[in-house]
Amino acid sequence: MRFPPHATRIGAAAALLSTLLVGGTVSATTADAAAASVGSICSSALPSQAHDTLNLIDQGGPFPYSQDGIVFSNREGVLPSQSSGYYHEYTVKTPGSSTRGARRIVTGEENQEDYYTSDHYATFNLIDFGC
């Protein structure tokens, strides 16, 4: 499993401050959506398939889908804003699904943060490996 170096994350307030400092604008709706969409989840609460995916990430693969490991561009703007190439996505298998399903792990390279989404990027939870 991956362990973030300081077990901290950039919250919506920090992302908002960062945007404002570089001259951007953020609406209250955008800030509220980011705050509501990025939560946290104990690693023990993840489905077993998410643990399988995290283990594959730690091992460097091989991955079951050709899309695994591609750059996640954060077009939805739910995760903290980072430069292109910072985030990568990996499929979490969904039992009984004939497709990749909606579940993903999205990793952030610099801080080694891992996010889980069960609803195809509508919401994310930072994985807490300490509980």
Protein backbone atom coordinates (compact mmCIF):
# COMPACT_ATOMS: atom_id res chain seq x y z
CA MET A 1 0.00 0.00 0.00
CA ARG A 2 1.04 3.57 -0.55
CA PHE A 3 1.45 5.81 2.46
CA PRO A 4 1.33 9.59 1.98
CA PRO A 5 4.45 11.15 3.54
CA HIS A 6 2.59 13.41 5.94
CA ALA A 7 -0.96 12.06 5.66
CA THR A 8 -2.22 15.50 4.71
CA ARG A 9 -4.16 16.69 1.71
CA ILE A 10 -5.01 19.93 0.03
CA GLY A 11 -8.58 20.76 0.86
CA ALA A 12 -11.02 22.91 -1.05
CA ALA A 13 -10.01 26.00 0.94
CA ALA A 14 -6.34 25.57 0.02
CA ALA A 15 -7.23 25.02 -3.64
CA LEU A 16 -9.39 28.15 -3.55
CA LEU A 17 -6.59 30.20 -1.99
CA SER A 18 -4.10 28.89 -4.53
CA THR A 19 -6.38 29.87 -7.41
CA LEU A 20 -6.96 33.35 -6.04
CA LEU A 21 -3.24 33.94 -5.43
CA VAL A 22 -2.42 33.30 -9.07
CA GLY A 23 -5.14 35.66 -10.26
CA GLY A 24 -7.92 33.21 -10.99
CA THR A 25 -11.52 33.40 -9.97
CA VAL A 26 -13.59 30.74 -8.29
CA SER A 27 -17.29 30.91 -7.69
CA ALA A 28 -18.79 29.96 -4.36
CA THR A 29 -20.59 27.13 -6.14
CA THR A 30 -17.28 25.71 -7.41
CA ALA A 31 -15.68 25.91 -3.97
CA ASP A 32 -18.75 24.33 -2.35
CA ALA A 33 -18.76 21.52 -4.92
CA ALA A 34 -15.08 20.79 -4.35
CA ALA A 35 -15.52 20.75 -0.58
CA ALA A 36 -18.49 18.40 -0.85
CA SER A 37 -16.94 16.11 -3.45
CA VAL A 38 -13.57 15.29 -1.88
CA GLY A 39 -13.96 13.39 1.34
CA SER A 40 -11.96 10.64 2.95
CA ILE A 41 -12.38 6.90 3.37
CA CYS A 42 -10.60 4.40 5.58
CA SER A 43 -8.72 1.85 3.52
CA SER A 44 -10.52 -0.85 5.50
CA ALA A 45 -13.84 0.43 4.09
CA LEU A 46 -12.75 -0.03 0.47
CA PRO A 47 -14.05 -2.97 -1.54
CA SER A 48 -11.57 -5.84 -1.88
CA GLN A 49 -11.15 -5.06 -5.58
CA ALA A 50 -9.78 -1.61 -4.67
CA HIS A 51 -7.10 -3.29 -2.54
CA ASP A 52 -6.27 -5.51 -5.53
CA THR A 53 -5.84 -2.39 -7.69
CA LEU A 54 -3.68 -0.63 -5.06
CA ASN A 55 -1.45 -3.71 -4.87
CA LEU A 56 -1.06 -3.74 -8.66
CA ILE A 57 -0.16 -0.03 -8.59
CA ASP A 58 2.52 -0.70 -5.95
CA GLN A 59 3.89 -3.57 -8.07
CA GLY A 60 3.83 -1.54 -11.29
CA GLY A 61 1.33 -3.88 -12.94
CA PRO A 62 0.49 -5.76 -15.02
CA PHE A 63 -2.91 -4.11 -15.23
CA PRO A 64 -6.04 -5.77 -16.60
CA TYR A 65 -7.14 -2.83 -18.77
CA SER A 66 -5.17 -0.91 -21.39
CA GLN A 67 -6.51 2.37 -19.97
CA ASP A 68 -4.97 1.71 -16.54
CA GLY A 69 -2.18 4.14 -15.75
CA ILE A 70 -3.26 6.81 -18.22
CA VAL A 71 -3.20 10.46 -17.23
CA PHE A 72 -6.34 11.59 -15.42
CA SER A 73 -6.96 15.16 -16.52
CA ASN A 74 -9.35 16.18 -13.70
CA ARG A 75 -11.70 17.86 -16.20
CA GLU A 76 -14.44 17.71 -13.59
CA GLY A 77 -12.29 19.89 -11.32
CA VAL A 78 -13.17 17.86 -8.24
CA LEU A 79 -9.59 17.04 -7.20
CA PRO A 80 -7.13 19.76 -6.23
CA SER A 81 -5.79 21.53 -9.31
CA GLN A 82 -2.41 20.18 -10.45
CA SER A 83 -0.34 20.31 -13.62
CA SER A 84 -1.12 17.96 -16.49
CA GLY A 85 0.24 14.48 -15.89
CA TYR A 86 0.07 14.70 -12.10
CA TYR A 87 -2.88 12.32 -11.72
CA HIS A 88 -3.22 8.79 -13.15
CA GLU A 89 -6.26 6.53 -13.11
CA TYR A 90 -6.69 2.81 -12.57
CA THR A 91 -9.74 0.59 -12.85
CA VAL A 92 -11.25 -1.05 -9.80
CA LYS A 93 -13.04 -4.13 -11.10
CA THR A 94 -16.77 -4.31 -10.51
CA PRO A 95 -18.00 -7.88 -9.98
CA GLY A 96 -20.60 -8.88 -12.55
CA SER A 97 -19.87 -5.93 -14.86
CA SER A 98 -19.02 -6.65 -18.49
CA THR A 99 -17.33 -3.23 -18.77
CA ARG A 100 -14.75 -1.38 -16.68
CA GLY A 101 -17.57 -0.09 -14.50
CA ALA A 102 -17.51 3.21 -12.62
CA ARG A 103 -14.98 2.51 -9.86
CA ARG A 104 -11.46 3.95 -10.07
CA ILE A 105 -8.36 4.72 -8.06
CA VAL A 106 -6.77 8.04 -9.04
CA THR A 107 -3.22 8.59 -7.83
CA GLY A 108 -1.33 11.83 -7.34
CA GLU A 109 2.38 11.47 -7.98
CA GLU A 110 4.13 14.09 -5.84
CA ASN A 111 2.41 13.43 -2.53
CA GLN A 112 1.49 9.84 -3.38
CA GLU A 113 -2.12 10.47 -2.52
CA ASP A 114 -4.67 7.90 -3.61
CA TYR A 115 -8.30 8.77 -4.27
CA TYR A 116 -11.21 6.36 -4.69
CA THR A 117 -14.33 7.04 -6.74
CA SER A 118 -17.23 4.65 -7.04
CA ASP A 119 -19.30 6.93 -9.28
CA HIS A 120 -17.04 7.61 -12.27
CA TYR A 121 -15.43 10.85 -11.04
CA ALA A 122 -18.51 12.59 -9.61
CA THR A 123 -17.10 12.30 -6.09
CA PHE A 124 -13.72 11.30 -4.68
CA ASN A 125 -12.48 10.12 -1.29
CA LEU A 126 -8.85 10.39 -0.23
CA ILE A 127 -7.82 6.97 1.01
CA ASP A 128 -6.69 7.04 4.63
CA PHE A 129 -4.27 4.16 5.22
CA GLY A 130 -4.03 4.92 8.95
CA CYS A 131 -7.43 3.54 9.91
